[in-house]
Amino acid sequence: MKSYRDLDIYNLAYGLAIQVHKMTMSLPAYEMYEQGSQIRRSSKSIKDNIVEGYGRRRYKQDFIRFLVYAHSSCDETSSQLALIDEIHFESKGLTELISEYEILGRKISKFIDYVDKHWNEN
């Protein structure tokens, strides 16, 4: 692995952040700076924490800490999506996106376990 760009979790988080950003542009104007802003920040935080953790990969505990932050932001994004879906899409429009964030959360969790058990601190 030569870069954080080689991480599946980064690429998935990046792509999902783009989808979330585009979805929020269709929210009512009064939500653009409330719910829309919050979910844009949480979704982008996932990829950013993966990048920052990778930058500190030399120190296993720092790497894990930022991956945990990424996982927490993923949970926050899932929660925000569920609320937006219920309020604005009548629980029909964001099911696939919510599922993709659940998959991302599981992948991040597995990667945290991998780093904890197998990461070389050199």
PDB file of N, CA and C in Angstrom:
ATOM      1  N   MET A   1       0.852  -1.160   0.000  1.00  0.00           N
ATOM      2  CA  MET A   1       0.000   0.000   0.000  1.00  0.00           C
ATOM      3  C   MET A   1       0.909   1.238   0.000  1.00  0.00           C
ATOM      4  N   LYS A   2       0.787   2.014  -1.054  1.00  0.00           N
ATOM      5  CA  LYS A   2       1.661   3.172  -1.212  1.00  0.00           C
ATOM      6  C   LYS A   2       1.006   4.479  -0.770  1.00  0.00           C
ATOM      7  N   SER A   3      -0.318   4.468  -0.686  1.00  0.00           N
ATOM      8  CA  SER A   3      -1.045   5.704  -0.395  1.00  0.00           C
ATOM      9  C   SER A   3      -2.388   5.362   0.244  1.00  0.00           C
ATOM     10  N   TYR A   4      -2.966   6.328   0.910  1.00  0.00           N
ATOM     11  CA  TYR A   4      -4.318   6.146   1.439  1.00  0.00           C
ATOM     12  C   TYR A   4      -5.299   5.879   0.299  1.00  0.00           C
ATOM     13  N   ARG A   5      -4.958   6.332  -0.899  1.00  0.00           N
ATOM     14  CA  ARG A   5      -5.823   6.100  -2.064  1.00  0.00           C
ATOM     15  C   ARG A   5      -5.921   4.622  -2.421  1.00  0.00           C
ATOM     16  N   ASP A   6      -5.015   3.812  -1.891  1.00  0.00           N
ATOM     17  CA  ASP A   6      -5.060   2.369  -2.119  1.00  0.00           C
ATOM     18  C   ASP A   6      -6.021   1.657  -1.166  1.00  0.00           C
ATOM     19  N   LEU A   7      -6.533   2.374  -0.178  1.00  0.00           N
ATOM     20  CA  LEU A   7      -7.437   1.776   0.799  1.00  0.00           C
ATOM     21  C   LEU A   7      -8.868   1.752   0.259  1.00  0.00           C
ATOM     22  N   ASP A   8      -9.465   0.584   0.273  1.00  0.00           N
ATOM     23  CA  ASP A   8     -10.853   0.424  -0.149  1.00  0.00           C
ATOM     24  C   ASP A   8     -11.777   1.324   0.670  1.00  0.00           C
ATOM     25  N   ILE A   9     -11.531   1.419   1.973  1.00  0.00           N
ATOM     26  CA  ILE A   9     -12.403   2.233   2.823  1.00  0.00           C
ATOM     27  C   ILE A   9     -12.329   3.718   2.445  1.00  0.00           C
ATOM     28  N   TYR A  10     -11.162   4.170   2.049  1.00  0.00           N
ATOM     29  CA  TYR A  10     -11.040   5.570   1.626  1.00  0.00           C
ATOM     30  C   TYR A  10     -11.841   5.802   0.350  1.00  0.00           C
ATOM     31  N   ASN A  11     -11.648   4.943  -0.630  1.00  0.00           N
ATOM     32  CA  ASN A  11     -12.333   5.121  -1.911  1.00  0.00           C
ATOM     33  C   ASN A  11     -13.848   5.039  -1.761  1.00  0.00           C
ATOM     34  N   LEU A  12     -14.308   4.123  -0.932  1.00  0.00           N
ATOM     35  CA  LEU A  12     -15.738   4.007  -0.684  1.00  0.00           C
ATOM     36  C   LEU A  12     -16.259   5.255   0.030  1.00  0.00           C
ATOM     37  N   ALA A  13     -15.544   5.709   1.057  1.00  0.00           N
ATOM     38  CA  ALA A  13     -15.953   6.910   1.800  1.00  0.00           C
ATOM     39  C   ALA A  13     -15.971   8.136   0.891  1.00  0.00           C
ATOM     40  N   TYR A  14     -14.999   8.252   0.032  1.00  0.00           N
ATOM     41  CA  TYR A  14     -14.922   9.390  -0.889  1.00  0.00           C
ATOM     42  C   TYR A  14     -16.137   9.403  -1.824  1.00  0.00           C
ATOM     43  N   GLY A  15     -16.401   8.261  -2.432  1.00  0.00           N
ATOM     44  CA  GLY A  15     -17.533   8.159  -3.349  1.00  0.00           C
ATOM     45  C   GLY A  15     -18.864   8.435  -2.667  1.00  0.00           C
ATOM     46  N   LEU A  16     -19.021   7.928  -1.457  1.00  0.00           N
ATOM     47  CA  LEU A  16     -20.255   8.160  -0.720  1.00  0.00           C
ATOM     48  C   LEU A  16     -20.399   9.627  -0.313  1.00  0.00           C
ATOM     49  N   ALA A  17     -19.295  10.273   0.026  1.00  0.00           N
ATOM     50  CA  ALA A  17     -19.353  11.699   0.379  1.00  0.00           C
ATOM     51  C   ALA A  17     -19.834  12.523  -0.810  1.00  0.00           C
ATOM     52  N   ILE A  18     -19.405  12.154  -2.000  1.00  0.00           N
ATOM     53  CA  ILE A  18     -19.868  12.841  -3.215  1.00  0.00           C
ATOM     54  C   ILE A  18     -21.380  12.642  -3.376  1.00  0.00           C
ATOM     55  N   GLN A  19     -21.841  11.404  -3.172  1.00  0.00           N
ATOM     56  CA  GLN A  19     -23.280  11.127  -3.291  1.00  0.00           C
ATOM     57  C   GLN A  19     -24.089  11.923  -2.261  1.00  0.00           C
ATOM     58  N   VAL A  20     -23.600  11.952  -1.037  1.00  0.00           N
ATOM     59  CA  VAL A  20     -24.304  12.693   0.015  1.00  0.00           C
ATOM     60  C   VAL A  20     -24.346  14.177  -0.329  1.00  0.00           C
ATOM     61  N   HIS A  21     -23.225  14.710  -0.773  1.00  0.00           N
ATOM     62  CA  HIS A  21     -23.187  16.129  -1.124  1.00  0.00           C
ATOM     63  C   HIS A  21     -24.244  16.440  -2.190  1.00  0.00           C
ATOM     64  N   LYS A  22     -24.277  15.632  -3.239  1.00  0.00           N
ATOM     65  CA  LYS A  22     -25.239  15.857  -4.320  1.00  0.00           C
ATOM     66  C   LYS A  22     -26.676  15.701  -3.820  1.00  0.00           C
ATOM     67  N   MET A  23     -26.916  14.707  -2.965  1.00  0.00           N
ATOM     68  CA  MET A  23     -28.263  14.503  -2.434  1.00  0.00           C
ATOM     69  C   MET A  23     -28.720  15.711  -1.631  1.00  0.00           C
ATOM     70  N   THR A  24     -27.821  16.288  -0.844  1.00  0.00           N
ATOM     71  CA  THR A  24     -28.228  17.424  -0.009  1.00  0.00           C
ATOM     72  C   THR A  24     -28.579  18.654  -0.838  1.00  0.00           C
ATOM     73  N   MET A  25     -28.092  18.733  -2.053  1.00  0.00           N
ATOM     74  CA  MET A  25     -28.425  19.871  -2.909  1.00  0.00           C
ATOM     75  C   MET A  25     -29.891  19.831  -3.337  1.00  0.00           C
ATOM     76  N   SER A  26     -30.553  18.687  -3.158  1.00  0.00           N
ATOM     77  CA  SER A  26     -31.973  18.590  -3.511  1.00  0.00           C
ATOM     78  C   SER A  26     -32.892  18.791  -2.302  1.00  0.00           C
ATOM     79  N   LEU A  27     -32.311  19.012  -1.134  1.00  0.00           N
ATOM     80  CA  LEU A  27     -33.117  19.248   0.065  1.00  0.00           C
ATOM     81  C   LEU A  27     -33.754  20.638  -0.009  1.00  0.00           C
ATOM     82  N   PRO A  28     -34.842  20.837   0.715  1.00  0.00           N
ATOM     83  CA  PRO A  28     -35.444  22.176   0.755  1.00  0.00           C
ATOM     84  C   PRO A  28     -34.436  23.215   1.257  1.00  0.00           C
ATOM     85  N   ALA A  29     -34.612  24.445   0.827  1.00  0.00           N
ATOM     86  CA  ALA A  29     -33.663  25.517   1.157  1.00  0.00           C
ATOM     87  C   ALA A  29     -33.440  25.647   2.656  1.00  0.00           C
ATOM     88  N   TYR A  30     -34.497  25.495   3.458  1.00  0.00           N
ATOM     89  CA  TYR A  30     -34.338  25.650   4.901  1.00  0.00           C
ATOM     90  C   TYR A  30     -33.476  24.550   5.522  1.00  0.00           C
ATOM     91  N   GLU A  31     -33.269  23.439   4.795  1.00  0.00           N
ATOM     92  CA  GLU A  31     -32.416  22.354   5.313  1.00  0.00           C
ATOM     93  C   GLU A  31     -30.969  22.464   4.839  1.00  0.00           C
ATOM     94  N   MET A  32     -30.714  23.307   3.846  1.00  0.00           N
ATOM     95  CA  MET A  32     -29.361  23.413   3.298  1.00  0.00           C
ATOM     96  C   MET A  32     -28.323  23.741   4.353  1.00  0.00           C
ATOM     97  N   TYR A  33     -28.681  24.589   5.299  1.00  0.00           N
ATOM     98  CA  TYR A  33     -27.712  25.032   6.288  1.00  0.00           C
ATOM     99  C   TYR A  33     -27.937  24.373   7.641  1.00  0.00           C
ATOM    100  N   GLU A  34     -28.889  23.493   7.725  1.00  0.00           N
ATOM    101  CA  GLU A  34     -29.157  22.764   8.962  1.00  0.00           C
ATOM    102  C   GLU A  34     -28.704  21.324   8.765  1.00  0.00           C
ATOM    103  N   GLN A  35     -29.656  20.472   8.460  1.00  0.00           N
ATOM    104  CA  GLN A  35     -29.379  19.047   8.289  1.00  0.00           C
ATOM    105  C   GLN A  35     -28.398  18.807   7.137  1.00  0.00           C
ATOM    106  N   GLY A  36     -28.563  19.540   6.053  1.00  0.00           N
ATOM    107  CA  GLY A  36     -27.691  19.354   4.888  1.00  0.00           C
ATOM    108  C   GLY A  36     -26.236  19.625   5.210  1.00  0.00           C
ATOM    109  N   SER A  37     -25.984  20.722   5.899  1.00  0.00           N
ATOM    110  CA  SER A  37     -24.617  21.070   6.274  1.00  0.00           C
ATOM    111  C   SER A  37     -24.015  20.024   7.215  1.00  0.00           C
ATOM    112  N   GLN A  38     -24.806  19.594   8.178  1.00  0.00           N
ATOM    113  CA  GLN A  38     -24.313  18.629   9.156  1.00  0.00           C
ATOM    114  C   GLN A  38     -23.926  17.304   8.494  1.00  0.00           C
ATOM    115  N   ILE A  39     -24.763  16.809   7.612  1.00  0.00           N
ATOM    116  CA  ILE A  39     -24.456  15.516   6.983  1.00  0.00           C
ATOM    117  C   ILE A  39     -23.317  15.647   5.976  1.00  0.00           C
ATOM    118  N   ARG A  40     -23.201  16.784   5.327  1.00  0.00           N
ATOM    119  CA  ARG A  40     -22.050  16.971   4.425  1.00  0.00           C
ATOM    120  C   ARG A  40     -20.752  16.919   5.229  1.00  0.00           C
ATOM    121  N   ARG A  41     -20.737  17.581   6.390  1.00  0.00           N
ATOM    122  CA  ARG A  41     -19.524  17.581   7.217  1.00  0.00           C
ATOM    123  C   ARG A  41     -19.211  16.186   7.758  1.00  0.00           C
ATOM    124  N   SER A  42     -20.216  15.475   8.239  1.00  0.00           N
ATOM    125  CA  SER A  42     -19.945  14.149   8.811  1.00  0.00           C
ATOM    126  C   SER A  42     -19.499  13.165   7.730  1.00  0.00           C
ATOM    127  N   SER A  43     -20.100  13.232   6.551  1.00  0.00           N
ATOM    128  CA  SER A  43     -19.721  12.293   5.487  1.00  0.00           C
ATOM    129  C   SER A  43     -18.294  12.560   4.988  1.00  0.00           C
ATOM    130  N   LYS A  44     -17.922  13.826   4.912  1.00  0.00           N
ATOM    131  CA  LYS A  44     -16.567  14.166   4.468  1.00  0.00           C
ATOM    132  C   LYS A  44     -15.541  13.887   5.559  1.00  0.00           C
ATOM    133  N   SER A  45     -15.964  13.936   6.794  1.00  0.00           N
ATOM    134  CA  SER A  45     -15.077  13.651   7.922  1.00  0.00           C
ATOM    135  C   SER A  45     -14.572  12.211   7.890  1.00  0.00           C
ATOM    136  N   ILE A  46     -15.365  11.307   7.373  1.00  0.00           N
ATOM    137  CA  ILE A  46     -14.953   9.894   7.315  1.00  0.00           C
ATOM    138  C   ILE A  46     -13.683   9.773   6.496  1.00  0.00           C
ATOM    139  N   LYS A  47     -13.726  10.260   5.263  1.00  0.00           N
ATOM    140  CA  LYS A  47     -12.549  10.146   4.393  1.00  0.00           C
ATOM    141  C   LYS A  47     -11.368  10.936   4.946  1.00  0.00           C
ATOM    142  N   ASP A  48     -11.656  12.095   5.534  1.00  0.00           N
ATOM    143  CA  ASP A  48     -10.570  12.923   6.069  1.00  0.00           C
ATOM    144  C   ASP A  48      -9.870  12.249   7.249  1.00  0.00           C
ATOM    145  N   ASN A  49     -10.624  11.588   8.103  1.00  0.00           N
ATOM    146  CA  ASN A  49     -10.008  10.883   9.230  1.00  0.00           C
ATOM    147  C   ASN A  49      -9.222   9.663   8.776  1.00  0.00           C
ATOM    148  N   ILE A  50      -9.681   9.002   7.725  1.00  0.00           N
ATOM    149  CA  ILE A  50      -8.910   7.887   7.164  1.00  0.00           C
ATOM    150  C   ILE A  50      -7.570   8.409   6.640  1.00  0.00           C
ATOM    151  N   VAL A  51      -7.605   9.532   5.934  1.00  0.00           N
ATOM    152  CA  VAL A  51      -6.380  10.134   5.395  1.00  0.00           C
ATOM    153  C   VAL A  51      -5.443  10.551   6.517  1.00  0.00           C
ATOM    154  N   GLU A  52      -5.977  11.229   7.535  1.00  0.00           N
ATOM    155  CA  GLU A  52      -5.122  11.680   8.630  1.00  0.00           C
ATOM    156  C   GLU A  52      -4.533  10.498   9.395  1.00  0.00           C
ATOM    157  N   GLY A  53      -5.350   9.481   9.618  1.00  0.00           N
ATOM    158  CA  GLY A  53      -4.839   8.281  10.283  1.00  0.00           C
ATOM    159  C   GLY A  53      -3.743   7.612   9.474  1.00  0.00           C
ATOM    160  N   TYR A  54      -3.951   7.520   8.169  1.00  0.00           N
ATOM    161  CA  TYR A  54      -2.931   6.920   7.309  1.00  0.00           C
ATOM    162  C   TYR A  54      -1.638   7.722   7.381  1.00  0.00           C
ATOM    163  N   GLY A  55      -1.766   9.032   7.463  1.00  0.00           N
ATOM    164  CA  GLY A  55      -0.580   9.877   7.579  1.00  0.00           C
ATOM    165  C   GLY A  55       0.189   9.614   8.869  1.00  0.00           C
ATOM    166  N   ARG A  56      -0.494   9.074   9.863  1.00  0.00           N
ATOM    167  CA  ARG A  56       0.146   8.753  11.149  1.00  0.00           C
ATOM    168  C   ARG A  56       0.345   7.248  11.310  1.00  0.00           C
ATOM    169  N   ARG A  57       0.282   6.518  10.215  1.00  0.00           N
ATOM    170  CA  ARG A  57       0.332   5.052  10.254  1.00  0.00           C
ATOM    171  C   ARG A  57       1.575   4.497  10.923  1.00  0.00           C
ATOM    172  N   ARG A  58       2.597   5.298  10.983  1.00  0.00           N
ATOM    173  CA  ARG A  58       3.828   4.858  11.636  1.00  0.00           C
ATOM    174  C   ARG A  58       3.586   4.578  13.119  1.00  0.00           C
ATOM    175  N   TYR A  59       2.601   5.253  13.668  1.00  0.00           N
ATOM    176  CA  TYR A  59       2.253   5.100  15.080  1.00  0.00           C
ATOM    177  C   TYR A  59       0.897   4.403  15.151  1.00  0.00           C
ATOM    178  N   LYS A  60       0.933   3.123  15.387  1.00  0.00           N
ATOM    179  CA  LYS A  60      -0.270   2.295  15.320  1.00  0.00           C
ATOM    180  C   LYS A  60      -1.442   2.867  16.104  1.00  0.00           C
ATOM    181  N   GLN A  61      -1.224   3.323  17.318  1.00  0.00           N
ATOM    182  CA  GLN A  61      -2.337   3.821  18.134  1.00  0.00           C
ATOM    183  C   GLN A  61      -2.942   5.102  17.549  1.00  0.00           C
ATOM    184  N   ASP A  62      -2.123   5.954  16.950  1.00  0.00           N
ATOM    185  CA  ASP A  62      -2.660   7.143  16.277  1.00  0.00           C
ATOM    186  C   ASP A  62      -3.496   6.736  15.069  1.00  0.00           C
ATOM    187  N   PHE A  63      -2.979   5.773  14.307  1.00  0.00           N
ATOM    188  CA  PHE A  63      -3.707   5.275  13.141  1.00  0.00           C
ATOM    189  C   PHE A  63      -5.074   4.753  13.585  1.00  0.00           C
ATOM    190  N   ILE A  64      -5.090   3.928  14.607  1.00  0.00           N
ATOM    191  CA  ILE A  64      -6.343   3.366  15.107  1.00  0.00           C
ATOM    192  C   ILE A  64      -7.275   4.470  15.601  1.00  0.00           C
ATOM    193  N   ARG A  65      -6.741   5.438  16.322  1.00  0.00           N
ATOM    194  CA  ARG A  65      -7.573   6.523  16.846  1.00  0.00           C
ATOM    195  C   ARG A  65      -8.329   7.232  15.723  1.00  0.00           C
ATOM    196  N   PHE A  66      -7.642   7.549  14.642  1.00  0.00           N
ATOM    197  CA  PHE A  66      -8.297   8.248  13.541  1.00  0.00           C
ATOM    198  C   PHE A  66      -9.261   7.342  12.781  1.00  0.00           C
ATOM    199  N   LEU A  67      -8.968   6.061  12.730  1.00  0.00           N
ATOM    200  CA  LEU A  67      -9.919   5.128  12.132  1.00  0.00           C
ATOM    201  C   LEU A  67     -11.189   5.028  12.987  1.00  0.00           C
ATOM    202  N   VAL A  68     -11.026   5.095  14.301  1.00  0.00           N
ATOM    203  CA  VAL A  68     -12.191   5.104  15.191  1.00  0.00           C
ATOM    204  C   VAL A  68     -13.002   6.381  14.960  1.00  0.00           C
ATOM    205  N   TYR A  69     -12.325   7.508  14.782  1.00  0.00           N
ATOM    206  CA  TYR A  69     -13.035   8.748  14.469  1.00  0.00           C
ATOM    207  C   TYR A  69     -13.809   8.600  13.155  1.00  0.00           C
ATOM    208  N   ALA A  70     -13.171   7.970  12.166  1.00  0.00           N
ATOM    209  CA  ALA A  70     -13.841   7.745  10.879  1.00  0.00           C
ATOM    210  C   ALA A  70     -15.082   6.878  11.076  1.00  0.00           C
ATOM    211  N   HIS A  71     -14.953   5.841  11.891  1.00  0.00           N
ATOM    212  CA  HIS A  71     -16.086   4.951  12.153  1.00  0.00           C
ATOM    213  C   HIS A  71     -17.209   5.721  12.858  1.00  0.00           C
ATOM    214  N   SER A  72     -16.854   6.565  13.798  1.00  0.00           N
ATOM    215  CA  SER A  72     -17.856   7.369  14.502  1.00  0.00           C
ATOM    216  C   SER A  72     -18.573   8.324  13.548  1.00  0.00           C
ATOM    217  N   SER A  73     -17.828   8.936  12.650  1.00  0.00           N
ATOM    218  CA  SER A  73     -18.441   9.823  11.661  1.00  0.00           C
ATOM    219  C   SER A  73     -19.340   9.040  10.714  1.00  0.00           C
ATOM    220  N   CYS A  74     -18.969   7.811  10.427  1.00  0.00           N
ATOM    221  CA  CYS A  74     -19.802   6.948   9.592  1.00  0.00           C
ATOM    222  C   CYS A  74     -21.130   6.666  10.297  1.00  0.00           C
ATOM    223  N   ASP A  75     -21.065   6.362  11.588  1.00  0.00           N
ATOM    224  CA  ASP A  75     -22.299   6.154  12.362  1.00  0.00           C
ATOM    225  C   ASP A  75     -23.155   7.417  12.376  1.00  0.00           C
ATOM    226  N   GLU A  76     -22.511   8.560  12.566  1.00  0.00           N
ATOM    227  CA  GLU A  76     -23.256   9.824  12.565  1.00  0.00           C
ATOM    228  C   GLU A  76     -23.937  10.046  11.219  1.00  0.00           C
ATOM    229  N   THR A  77     -23.216   9.786  10.144  1.00  0.00           N
ATOM    230  CA  THR A  77     -23.775   9.972   8.810  1.00  0.00           C
ATOM    231  C   THR A  77     -24.967   9.048   8.591  1.00  0.00           C
ATOM    232  N   SER A  78     -24.854   7.802   9.025  1.00  0.00           N
ATOM    233  CA  SER A  78     -25.977   6.868   8.898  1.00  0.00           C
ATOM    234  C   SER A  78     -27.202   7.376   9.650  1.00  0.00           C
ATOM    235  N   SER A  79     -26.982   7.883  10.846  1.00  0.00           N
ATOM    236  CA  SER A  79     -28.079   8.421  11.645  1.00  0.00           C
ATOM    237  C   SER A  79     -28.710   9.632  10.966  1.00  0.00           C
ATOM    238  N   GLN A  80     -27.885  10.522  10.448  1.00  0.00           N
ATOM    239  CA  GLN A  80     -28.385  11.704   9.743  1.00  0.00           C
ATOM    240  C   GLN A  80     -29.174  11.298   8.492  1.00  0.00           C
ATOM    241  N   LEU A  81     -28.661  10.309   7.759  1.00  0.00           N
ATOM    242  CA  LEU A  81     -29.357   9.840   6.557  1.00  0.00           C
ATOM    243  C   LEU A  81     -30.730   9.275   6.897  1.00  0.00           C
ATOM    244  N   ALA A  82     -30.802   8.502   7.975  1.00  0.00           N
ATOM    245  CA  ALA A  82     -32.085   7.919   8.380  1.00  0.00           C
ATOM    246  C   ALA A  82     -33.103   9.017   8.690  1.00  0.00           C
ATOM    247  N   LEU A  83     -32.657  10.060   9.370  1.00  0.00           N
ATOM    248  CA  LEU A  83     -33.552  11.167   9.715  1.00  0.00           C
ATOM    249  C   LEU A  83     -33.997  11.923   8.464  1.00  0.00           C
ATOM    250  N   ILE A  84     -33.049  12.241   7.593  1.00  0.00           N
ATOM    251  CA  ILE A  84     -33.382  12.937   6.348  1.00  0.00           C
ATOM    252  C   ILE A  84     -34.325  12.087   5.507  1.00  0.00           C
ATOM    253  N   ASP A  85     -34.058  10.785   5.458  1.00  0.00           N
ATOM    254  CA  ASP A  85     -34.906   9.887   4.677  1.00  0.00           C
ATOM    255  C   ASP A  85     -36.338   9.903   5.198  1.00  0.00           C
ATOM    256  N   GLU A  86     -36.488   9.825   6.491  1.00  0.00           N
ATOM    257  CA  GLU A  86     -37.831   9.807   7.073  1.00  0.00           C
ATOM    258  C   GLU A  86     -38.552  11.149   6.889  1.00  0.00           C
ATOM    259  N   ILE A  87     -37.840  12.243   7.060  1.00  0.00           N
ATOM    260  CA  ILE A  87     -38.464  13.568   6.970  1.00  0.00           C
ATOM    261  C   ILE A  87     -38.749  13.980   5.526  1.00  0.00           C
ATOM    262  N   HIS A  88     -37.785  13.770   4.640  1.00  0.00           N
ATOM    263  CA  HIS A  88     -37.887  14.340   3.297  1.00  0.00           C
ATOM    264  C   HIS A  88     -38.157  13.336   2.183  1.00  0.00           C
ATOM    265  N   PHE A  89     -37.886  12.069   2.427  1.00  0.00           N
ATOM    266  CA  PHE A  89     -38.064  11.080   1.368  1.00  0.00           C
ATOM    267  C   PHE A  89     -39.082  10.008   1.758  1.00  0.00           C
ATOM    268  N   GLU A  90     -39.751  10.210   2.893  1.00  0.00           N
ATOM    269  CA  GLU A  90     -40.771   9.297   3.396  1.00  0.00           C
ATOM    270  C   GLU A  90     -40.270   7.854   3.478  1.00  0.00           C
ATOM    271  N   SER A  91     -39.020   7.709   3.930  1.00  0.00           N
ATOM    272  CA  SER A  91     -38.385   6.401   4.153  1.00  0.00           C
ATOM    273  C   SER A  91     -38.308   5.546   2.887  1.00  0.00           C
ATOM    274  N   LYS A  92     -38.156   6.192   1.743  1.00  0.00           N
ATOM    275  CA  LYS A  92     -38.101   5.442   0.491  1.00  0.00           C
ATOM    276  C   LYS A  92     -36.867   5.744  -0.351  1.00  0.00           C
ATOM    277  N   GLY A  93     -36.331   6.934  -0.225  1.00  0.00           N
ATOM    278  CA  GLY A  93     -35.338   7.372  -1.197  1.00  0.00           C
ATOM    279  C   GLY A  93     -33.887   7.115  -0.863  1.00  0.00           C
ATOM    280  N   LEU A  94     -33.572   6.905   0.400  1.00  0.00           N
ATOM    281  CA  LEU A  94     -32.156   6.810   0.766  1.00  0.00           C
ATOM    282  C   LEU A  94     -31.755   5.429   1.290  1.00  0.00           C
ATOM    283  N   THR A  95     -32.605   4.450   1.107  1.00  0.00           N
ATOM    284  CA  THR A  95     -32.340   3.112   1.639  1.00  0.00           C
ATOM    285  C   THR A  95     -31.012   2.553   1.142  1.00  0.00           C
ATOM    286  N   GLU A  96     -30.742   2.688  -0.136  1.00  0.00           N
ATOM    287  CA  GLU A  96     -29.498   2.150  -0.700  1.00  0.00           C
ATOM    288  C   GLU A  96     -28.274   2.879  -0.138  1.00  0.00           C
ATOM    289  N   LEU A  97     -28.358   4.177  -0.024  1.00  0.00           N
ATOM    290  CA  LEU A  97     -27.249   4.966   0.514  1.00  0.00           C
ATOM    291  C   LEU A  97     -26.996   4.606   1.982  1.00  0.00           C
ATOM    292  N   ILE A  98     -28.058   4.444   2.738  1.00  0.00           N
ATOM    293  CA  ILE A  98     -27.917   4.030   4.136  1.00  0.00           C
ATOM    294  C   ILE A  98     -27.241   2.662   4.213  1.00  0.00           C
ATOM    295  N   SER A  99     -27.639   1.736   3.346  1.00  0.00           N
ATOM    296  CA  SER A  99     -27.018   0.406   3.315  1.00  0.00           C
ATOM    297  C   SER A  99     -25.535   0.485   2.977  1.00  0.00           C
ATOM    298  N   GLU A 100     -25.187   1.375   2.070  1.00  0.00           N
ATOM    299  CA  GLU A 100     -23.778   1.522   1.692  1.00  0.00           C
ATOM    300  C   GLU A 100     -22.958   2.059   2.864  1.00  0.00           C
ATOM    301  N   TYR A 101     -23.534   2.940   3.659  1.00  0.00           N
ATOM    302  CA  TYR A 101     -22.820   3.425   4.845  1.00  0.00           C
ATOM    303  C   TYR A 101     -22.690   2.328   5.903  1.00  0.00           C
ATOM    304  N   GLU A 102     -23.673   1.457   5.996  1.00  0.00           N
ATOM    305  CA  GLU A 102     -23.562   0.332   6.921  1.00  0.00           C
ATOM    306  C   GLU A 102     -22.438  -0.603   6.491  1.00  0.00           C
ATOM    307  N   ILE A 103     -22.326  -0.834   5.192  1.00  0.00           N
ATOM    308  CA  ILE A 103     -21.224  -1.649   4.661  1.00  0.00           C
ATOM    309  C   ILE A 103     -19.893  -0.969   4.953  1.00  0.00           C
ATOM    310  N   LEU A 104     -19.817   0.339   4.710  1.00  0.00           N
ATOM    311  CA  LEU A 104     -18.581   1.083   4.994  1.00  0.00           C
ATOM    312  C   LEU A 104     -18.215   0.962   6.467  1.00  0.00           C
ATOM    313  N   GLY A 105     -19.194   1.100   7.350  1.00  0.00           N
ATOM    314  CA  GLY A 105     -18.924   0.978   8.785  1.00  0.00           C
ATOM    315  C   GLY A 105     -18.338  -0.373   9.142  1.00  0.00           C
ATOM    316  N   ARG A 106     -18.873  -1.434   8.549  1.00  0.00           N
ATOM    317  CA  ARG A 106     -18.328  -2.779   8.813  1.00  0.00           C
ATOM    318  C   ARG A 106     -16.904  -2.907   8.282  1.00  0.00           C
ATOM    319  N   LYS A 107     -16.651  -2.335   7.119  1.00  0.00           N
ATOM    320  CA  LYS A 107     -15.300  -2.398   6.539  1.00  0.00           C
ATOM    321  C   LYS A 107     -14.298  -1.621   7.390  1.00  0.00           C
ATOM    322  N   ILE A 108     -14.699  -0.466   7.873  1.00  0.00           N
ATOM    323  CA  ILE A 108     -13.811   0.313   8.739  1.00  0.00           C
ATOM    324  C   ILE A 108     -13.526  -0.475  10.010  1.00  0.00           C
ATOM    325  N   SER A 109     -14.555  -1.075  10.576  1.00  0.00           N
ATOM    326  CA  SER A 109     -14.391  -1.864  11.794  1.00  0.00           C
ATOM    327  C   SER A 109     -13.412  -3.026  11.578  1.00  0.00           C
ATOM    328  N   LYS A 110     -13.557  -3.716  10.465  1.00  0.00           N
ATOM    329  CA  LYS A 110     -12.639  -4.821  10.152  1.00  0.00           C
ATOM    330  C   LYS A 110     -11.217  -4.302   9.947  1.00  0.00           C
ATOM    331  N   PHE A 111     -11.091  -3.131   9.322  1.00  0.00           N
ATOM    332  CA  PHE A 111      -9.756  -2.572   9.107  1.00  0.00           C
ATOM    333  C   PHE A 111      -9.120  -2.166  10.438  1.00  0.00           C
ATOM    334  N   ILE A 112      -9.924  -1.625  11.350  1.00  0.00           N
ATOM    335  CA  ILE A 112      -9.410  -1.302  12.681  1.00  0.00           C
ATOM    336  C   ILE A 112      -8.874  -2.560  13.347  1.00  0.00           C
ATOM    337  N   ASP A 113      -9.624  -3.656  13.262  1.00  0.00           N
ATOM    338  CA  ASP A 113      -9.170  -4.934  13.833  1.00  0.00           C
ATOM    339  C   ASP A 113      -7.869  -5.396  13.182  1.00  0.00           C
ATOM    340  N   TYR A 114      -7.791  -5.259  11.856  1.00  0.00           N
ATOM    341  CA  TYR A 114      -6.575  -5.647  11.143  1.00  0.00           C
ATOM    342  C   TYR A 114      -5.377  -4.824  11.615  1.00  0.00           C
ATOM    343  N   VAL A 115      -5.548  -3.514  11.672  1.00  0.00           N
ATOM    344  CA  VAL A 115      -4.449  -2.650  12.101  1.00  0.00           C
ATOM    345  C   VAL A 115      -4.038  -3.005  13.526  1.00  0.00           C
ATOM    346  N   ASP A 116      -5.006  -3.223  14.390  1.00  0.00           N
ATOM    347  CA  ASP A 116      -4.715  -3.552  15.788  1.00  0.00           C
ATOM    348  C   ASP A 116      -3.912  -4.840  15.910  1.00  0.00           C
ATOM    349  N   LYS A 117      -4.228  -5.827  15.107  1.00  0.00           N
ATOM    350  CA  LYS A 117      -3.588  -7.138  15.246  1.00  0.00           C
ATOM    351  C   LYS A 117      -2.337  -7.304  14.392  1.00  0.00           C
ATOM    352  N   HIS A 118      -2.273  -6.625  13.268  1.00  0.00           N
ATOM    353  CA  HIS A 118      -1.225  -6.943  12.301  1.00  0.00           C
ATOM    354  C   HIS A 118      -0.352  -5.771  11.865  1.00  0.00           C
ATOM    355  N   TRP A 119      -0.646  -4.573  12.315  1.00  0.00           N
ATOM    356  CA  TRP A 119       0.114  -3.418  11.817  1.00  0.00           C
ATOM    357  C   TRP A 119       1.495  -3.410  12.427  1.00  0.00           C
ATOM    358  N   ASN A 120       2.464  -3.168  11.610  1.00  0.00           N
ATOM    359  CA  ASN A 120       3.857  -3.159  12.044  1.00  0.00           C
ATOM    360  C   ASN A 120       4.242  -1.745  12.456  1.00  0.00           C
ATOM    361  N   GLU A 121       4.666  -1.585  13.685  1.00  0.00           N
ATOM    362  CA  GLU A 121       5.108  -0.274  14.181  1.00  0.00           C
ATOM    363  C   GLU A 121       6.609  -0.119  13.959  1.00  0.00           C
ATOM    364  N   ASN A 122       6.949   0.413  12.828  1.00  0.00           N
ATOM    365  CA  ASN A 122       8.368   0.663  12.526  1.00  0.00           C
ATOM    366  C   ASN A 122       8.615   2.142  12.442  1.00  0.00           C
TER     367      ASN A 122
END
